[in-house]
Protein backbone atom coordinates (compact mmCIF):
# COMPACT_ATOMS: atom_id res chain seq x y z
CA MET A 1 -38.94 -24.34 13.36
CA SER A 2 -37.15 -21.17 14.40
CA LYS A 3 -36.24 -19.14 11.65
CA LYS A 4 -32.31 -17.89 11.15
CA LYS A 5 -31.55 -14.25 12.64
CA LYS A 6 -29.95 -12.35 9.82
CA PRO A 7 -26.33 -11.39 10.92
CA ILE A 8 -26.34 -7.88 11.92
CA SER A 9 -23.96 -5.73 10.03
CA ILE A 10 -21.90 -2.52 11.87
CA ASN A 11 -20.09 -1.61 9.27
CA ILE A 12 -16.17 -1.55 10.07
CA ARG A 13 -13.69 -1.11 7.68
CA CYS A 14 -10.98 -3.26 7.32
CA GLN A 15 -7.34 -1.00 9.10
CA CYS A 16 -6.05 -2.67 5.30
CA GLU A 17 -7.57 -0.03 3.25
CA ASP A 18 -5.76 3.29 2.85
CA SER A 19 -6.38 6.46 5.53
CA ALA A 20 -8.11 9.21 4.84
CA VAL A 21 -4.76 11.21 5.73
CA LYS A 22 -1.83 10.36 3.46
CA ARG A 23 0.91 9.42 5.95
CA PRO A 24 4.43 11.12 6.33
CA GLU A 25 7.30 9.32 4.47
CA SER A 26 9.43 7.29 6.82
CA LEU A 27 12.45 9.20 7.98
CA LEU A 28 14.54 6.14 8.32
CA VAL A 29 17.03 5.29 6.47
CA THR A 30 18.59 2.15 5.28
CA VAL A 31 22.73 1.97 6.17
CA TYR A 32 25.42 -0.34 6.04
CA CYS A 33 28.30 -0.55 8.61
CA LYS A 34 31.57 0.09 8.02
CA GLY A 35 32.84 -1.24 10.28
CA CYS A 36 31.21 -4.80 10.67
CA GLY A 37 28.88 -4.87 7.09
CA LYS A 38 25.51 -5.19 9.52
CA VAL A 39 22.85 -3.64 7.85
CA PHE A 40 20.42 -1.20 9.73
CA ARG A 41 17.72 1.40 9.77
CA THR A 42 18.56 5.40 11.64
CA ASN A 43 17.38 8.33 11.18
CA THR A 44 20.80 9.56 11.91
CA LYS A 45 23.40 10.62 9.45
CA LYS A 46 26.25 7.95 10.58
CA ASP A 47 27.91 5.12 9.09
CA LEU A 48 28.27 3.22 12.27
CA CYS A 49 26.18 0.79 13.84
CA PHE A 50 25.11 1.29 17.42
CA ASP A 51 27.78 -1.85 18.55
CA TRP A 52 30.74 -0.60 16.79
CA GLU A 53 29.93 3.31 18.03
CA ARG A 54 30.16 1.40 21.26
CA LYS A 55 33.88 0.11 20.52
CA ARG A 56 34.81 3.76 19.45
């Protein structure tokens, strides 16, 4: 008869837990394109998506 070995515990924390240091707020803002109505995220102050900016 062989005895079952206990699993080894290595104390790894789940990555989905809150981190010890608070993360900064996202700098990205959701914007609707005035040209085509597409929704996009950007960190600049503009009203046109990348496709419509190229057309200008």
